[in-house]
């Protein structure tokens, strides 16, 4: 496991049902928490009002050989002028956010194992979409502090959106896309999730048959992809499913 995405909602039951339609049954860990293992990512849905969080493996920062990877990662981040603020544990594992932002670390070695849903076409978290008004602050957090590889910066003009400023970074087994908006919050917000399907037509048909509110399948912004949107507040954050054609290449 490389990362944990933790989402909170006041409508816990409907949210669990919505994610079960997307990812399979998952597993209830408590009466107010449900989890899914999707590739190298653990999705945690909780009852509550906390901000959406992306927690990366502490072992990715310091290597698996440290006797206490969480303590070692916390000390490393402190040397990089980042304070790790403790948050609710994940399956008993220690977790913390950096400088009270919705991005942090978790001791993934201590997270209880969970089998992925058998036969699910949605097999990975394709990327996380974050937003920030500060380009340099976002790069400092993800790249300099958390060790993500800075892969791409671009300003494409997209239909119905105009010019957008995007940063792409790879780490923790996924990609983070940062939308830079000079008028927004100077911090970081976890804005949306994109899940990868090995058979987008089958996923769309399965979810539609289960009563999910979906857009039609359409061409993605990236060549060789098709996508659809999972609509409704029950998925907590904006959510799309992406299908990659055989000739598609990673960012």
Protein backbone atom coordinates (compact mmCIF):
# COMPACT_ATOMS: atom_id res chain seq x y z
CA UNK A 1 0.00 0.00 0.00
CA UNK A 2 1.39 3.39 -1.00
CA UNK A 3 -1.32 5.89 -0.02
CA UNK A 4 -4.59 6.44 1.82
CA UNK A 5 -7.37 8.74 0.65
CA UNK A 6 -9.67 9.64 3.56
CA UNK A 7 -13.08 11.19 2.87
CA UNK A 8 -15.66 12.34 5.43
CA UNK A 9 -19.36 12.93 4.96
CA UNK A 10 -22.51 13.71 6.91
CA UNK A 11 -24.40 11.16 4.78
CA UNK A 12 -22.34 8.09 5.57
CA UNK A 13 -24.77 5.35 4.49
CA UNK A 14 -25.52 6.76 1.03
CA UNK A 15 -21.79 7.42 0.49
CA UNK A 16 -20.90 3.80 1.29
CA UNK A 17 -23.57 2.65 -1.18
CA UNK A 18 -22.23 5.00 -3.87
CA UNK A 19 -18.67 3.75 -3.49
CA UNK A 20 -19.85 0.14 -3.37
CA UNK A 21 -21.41 0.67 -6.80
CA UNK A 22 -18.08 2.03 -8.03
CA UNK A 23 -15.53 -0.19 -6.28
CA UNK A 24 -17.32 -3.23 -4.91
CA UNK A 25 -18.39 -4.12 -1.40
CA UNK A 26 -15.28 -3.10 0.54
CA UNK A 27 -15.29 -3.72 4.28
CA UNK A 28 -16.80 -1.99 7.30
CA UNK A 29 -14.13 -1.39 9.95
CA UNK A 30 -16.47 0.34 12.42
CA UNK A 31 -20.08 1.48 12.42
CA UNK A 32 -18.93 4.85 11.02
CA UNK A 33 -16.04 3.84 8.73
CA UNK A 34 -15.82 1.80 5.53
CA UNK A 35 -12.70 0.97 3.49
CA UNK A 36 -11.74 -0.26 0.04
CA UNK A 37 -8.37 -1.43 -1.27
CA UNK A 38 -7.94 -0.28 -4.88
CA UNK A 39 -4.53 -1.16 -6.29
CA UNK A 40 -1.95 0.49 -4.05
CA UNK A 41 -4.48 2.95 -2.58
CA UNK A 42 -6.72 2.52 0.47
CA UNK A 43 -9.95 4.54 0.31
CA UNK A 44 -11.45 5.34 3.71
CA UNK A 45 -14.97 6.82 4.00
CA UNK A 46 -15.98 8.09 7.43
CA UNK A 47 -18.91 9.78 9.04
CA UNK A 48 -17.89 13.32 9.96
CA UNK A 49 -16.88 16.69 8.58
CA UNK A 50 -13.10 16.52 8.13
CA UNK A 51 -11.53 17.76 4.92
CA UNK A 52 -10.66 15.20 2.26
CA UNK A 53 -7.09 13.99 2.82
CA UNK A 54 -4.30 12.32 0.87
CA UNK A 55 -1.90 10.45 3.16
CA UNK A 56 1.23 8.94 1.64
CA UNK A 57 3.26 6.09 3.02
CA UNK A 58 5.79 7.20 5.63
CA UNK A 59 8.04 4.40 4.36
CA UNK A 60 8.21 6.06 0.95
CA UNK A 61 9.99 9.03 2.56
CA UNK A 62 12.56 7.20 4.66
CA UNK A 63 12.72 3.66 3.24
CA UNK A 64 11.34 0.49 4.79
CA UNK A 65 14.48 -0.25 6.83
CA UNK A 66 13.80 2.35 9.55
CA UNK A 67 12.74 0.74 12.86
CA UNK A 68 9.87 3.25 13.15
CA UNK A 69 9.10 4.66 9.71
CA UNK A 70 6.42 7.05 10.99
CA UNK A 71 8.72 8.64 13.57
CA UNK A 72 11.55 8.79 11.05
CA UNK A 73 9.32 10.44 8.42
CA UNK A 74 8.02 12.94 10.98
CA UNK A 75 11.61 13.84 11.92
CA UNK A 76 12.59 14.18 8.24
CA UNK A 77 9.68 16.52 7.56
CA UNK A 78 10.57 18.58 10.63
CA UNK A 79 14.05 19.07 9.15
CA UNK A 80 12.28 20.35 6.04
CA UNK A 81 10.35 22.89 8.19
CA UNK A 82 7.11 20.88 8.01
CA UNK A 83 5.09 20.18 11.15
CA UNK A 84 3.21 16.87 11.18
CA UNK A 85 -0.12 17.31 13.00
CA UNK A 86 -1.67 14.05 14.22
CA UNK A 87 -5.09 13.12 12.83
CA UNK A 88 -7.44 10.16 13.31
CA UNK A 89 -5.69 6.82 12.92
CA UNK A 90 -6.33 4.61 9.87
CA UNK A 91 -7.14 1.05 10.96
CA UNK A 92 -5.07 1.70 14.06
CA UNK A 93 -2.10 3.14 12.14
CA UNK A 94 -0.64 6.54 13.01
CA UNK A 95 -1.42 9.34 10.56
CA UNK A 96 -0.70 13.05 10.39
CA UNK A 97 -1.07 16.00 8.05
CA UNK A 98 1.64 18.48 7.09
CA UNK A 99 1.17 22.01 8.48
CA UNK A 100 -2.57 21.34 8.94
CA UNK A 101 -3.02 20.85 5.18
CA UNK A 102 -5.11 17.93 3.82
CA UNK A 103 -1.92 16.13 2.75
CA UNK A 104 0.27 14.06 5.04
CA UNK A 105 1.73 10.69 6.00
CA UNK A 106 0.52 7.37 7.38
CA UNK A 107 2.30 4.29 8.68
CA UNK A 108 0.96 1.99 5.96
CA UNK A 109 2.85 -1.01 7.39
CA UNK A 110 0.46 -0.93 10.36
CA UNK A 111 -2.76 -0.63 8.31
CA UNK A 112 -4.74 -3.87 8.45
CA UNK A 113 -4.70 -5.70 5.09
CA UNK A 114 -7.84 -5.73 2.96
CA UNK A 115 -8.49 -7.75 -0.17
CA UNK A 116 -9.67 -5.83 -3.27
CA UNK A 117 -13.06 -6.62 -4.68
CA UNK A 118 -12.83 -9.74 -6.87
CA UNK A 119 -13.23 -9.07 -10.58
CA UNK A 120 -13.67 -5.30 -10.25
CA UNK A 121 -12.74 -3.42 -13.43
CA UNK A 122 -11.85 -0.32 -11.37
CA UNK A 123 -8.43 -1.46 -10.27
CA UNK A 124 -6.45 1.69 -9.44
CA UNK A 125 -6.60 5.34 -8.49
CA UNK A 126 -5.51 6.99 -11.75
CA UNK A 127 -4.84 10.40 -10.23
CA UNK A 128 -5.78 12.85 -7.52
CA UNK A 129 -6.82 16.39 -8.39
CA UNK A 130 -5.76 19.08 -5.94
CA UNK A 131 -6.10 22.85 -6.13
CA UNK A 132 -3.96 25.71 -4.89
CA UNK A 133 -3.46 29.39 -5.62
CA UNK A 134 0.29 29.08 -5.08
CA UNK A 135 2.36 27.23 -7.69
CA UNK A 136 5.57 27.34 -5.70
CA UNK A 137 3.85 26.34 -2.47
CA UNK A 138 2.29 23.29 -4.13
CA UNK A 139 5.63 22.24 -5.60
CA UNK A 140 7.37 22.74 -2.25
CA UNK A 141 4.83 20.52 -0.49
CA UNK A 142 4.57 17.65 -2.96
CA UNK A 143 8.03 17.64 -4.52
CA UNK A 144 10.52 19.11 -2.04
CA UNK A 145 8.83 17.88 1.16
CA UNK A 146 7.03 14.65 0.20
CA UNK A 147 9.38 13.48 -2.53
CA UNK A 148 6.99 13.41 -5.51
CA UNK A 149 8.59 13.66 -8.96
CA UNK A 150 7.64 16.87 -10.75
CA UNK A 151 6.72 15.62 -14.25
CA UNK A 152 4.91 18.35 -16.17
CA UNK A 153 3.62 21.92 -16.10
CA UNK A 154 1.24 23.15 -18.77
CA UNK A 155 -1.44 25.74 -19.53
CA UNK A 156 -3.83 24.08 -22.01
CA UNK A 157 -7.01 25.69 -23.27
CA UNK A 158 -9.86 23.29 -22.53
CA UNK A 159 -13.43 23.36 -23.90
CA UNK A 160 -15.83 25.23 -21.60
CA UNK A 161 -12.97 26.06 -19.18
CA UNK A 162 -10.55 28.26 -21.09
CA UNK A 163 -6.90 28.23 -20.09
CA UNK A 164 -6.01 26.14 -17.04
CA UNK A 165 -2.68 25.98 -15.20
CA UNK A 166 -1.77 22.38 -14.35
CA UNK A 167 1.10 20.76 -12.48
CA UNK A 168 1.58 16.98 -12.61
CA UNK A 169 3.60 15.11 -9.99
CA UNK A 170 4.07 11.39 -9.48
CA UNK A 171 4.48 9.67 -6.12
CA UNK A 172 2.88 7.26 -3.68
CA UNK A 173 1.79 5.02 -6.55
CA UNK A 174 -0.36 7.68 -8.18
CA UNK A 175 -0.31 11.05 -9.94
CA UNK A 176 -1.31 14.33 -8.36
CA UNK A 177 -2.66 17.00 -10.71
CA UNK A 178 -2.58 20.45 -9.11
CA UNK A 179 -4.88 23.09 -10.58
CA UNK A 180 -3.26 26.46 -9.89
CA UNK A 181 -5.78 29.28 -9.46
CA UNK A 182 -4.34 32.60 -8.36
CA UNK A 183 -7.71 33.63 -6.93
CA UNK A 184 -8.17 30.55 -4.74
CA UNK A 185 -7.12 29.37 -1.29
CA UNK A 186 -3.37 29.86 -0.69
CA UNK A 187 -3.21 26.37 0.81
CA UNK A 188 -3.96 23.01 -0.77
CA UNK A 189 -7.37 21.39 -1.24
CA UNK A 190 -8.05 17.83 -2.35
CA UNK A 191 -10.54 18.57 -5.10
CA UNK A 192 -11.37 15.33 -6.92
CA UNK A 193 -10.48 11.71 -7.75
CA UNK A 194 -10.06 9.86 -11.03
CA UNK A 195 -10.32 6.06 -10.97
CA UNK A 196 -8.89 3.80 -13.69
CA UNK A 197 -11.03 1.07 -15.26
CA UNK A 198 -9.71 -1.78 -17.34
CA UNK A 199 -13.06 -1.91 -19.18
CA UNK A 200 -14.84 1.42 -19.06
CA UNK A 201 -17.86 0.16 -21.02
CA UNK A 202 -18.39 -2.67 -18.52
CA UNK A 203 -17.96 -0.31 -15.56
CA UNK A 204 -20.48 2.15 -16.99
CA UNK A 205 -23.00 -0.61 -17.71
CA UNK A 206 -22.55 -2.20 -14.27
CA UNK A 207 -22.92 1.08 -12.39
CA UNK A 208 -25.87 2.22 -14.50
CA UNK A 209 -27.58 -1.08 -13.82
CA UNK A 210 -27.05 -0.55 -10.08
CA UNK A 211 -28.76 2.85 -10.23
CA UNK A 212 -25.75 5.19 -10.26
CA UNK A 213 -26.17 8.65 -11.78
CA UNK A 214 -23.56 8.79 -14.54
CA UNK A 215 -22.71 10.95 -17.52
CA UNK A 216 -22.30 9.35 -20.92
CA UNK A 217 -18.86 8.05 -21.86
CA UNK A 218 -16.91 10.72 -23.71
CA UNK A 219 -13.40 11.31 -25.01
CA UNK A 220 -10.92 12.41 -22.35
CA UNK A 221 -8.67 15.47 -22.55
CA UNK A 222 -5.68 13.15 -22.86
CA UNK A 223 -5.30 11.32 -26.18
CA UNK A 224 -6.25 7.65 -25.97
CA UNK A 225 -8.62 7.96 -23.02
CA UNK A 226 -12.37 7.87 -22.49
CA UNK A 227 -14.08 9.04 -19.32
CA UNK A 228 -17.38 9.36 -17.55
CA UNK A 229 -18.45 11.37 -14.52
CA UNK A 230 -20.02 9.85 -11.42
CA UNK A 231 -22.60 12.44 -10.43
CA UNK A 232 -24.20 13.28 -7.11
CA UNK A 233 -22.99 14.41 -3.70
CA UNK A 234 -22.77 10.86 -2.31
CA UNK A 235 -19.31 10.36 -3.83
CA UNK A 236 -18.21 13.32 -1.65
CA UNK A 237 -15.69 14.81 -4.11
CA UNK A 238 -15.91 15.24 -7.90
CA UNK A 239 -15.28 11.80 -9.41
CA UNK A 240 -14.54 10.45 -12.87
CA UNK A 241 -13.68 7.02 -14.24
CA UNK A 242 -11.02 6.78 -16.95
CA UNK A 243 -10.46 4.08 -19.51
CA UNK A 244 -7.06 3.96 -21.22
CA UNK A 245 -6.82 2.61 -24.76
CA UNK A 246 -4.02 0.16 -25.44
CA UNK A 247 -1.88 2.86 -27.07
CA UNK A 248 -2.34 5.36 -24.26
CA UNK A 249 0.77 6.41 -22.38
CA UNK A 250 1.14 7.56 -18.79
CA UNK A 251 1.83 11.15 -17.94
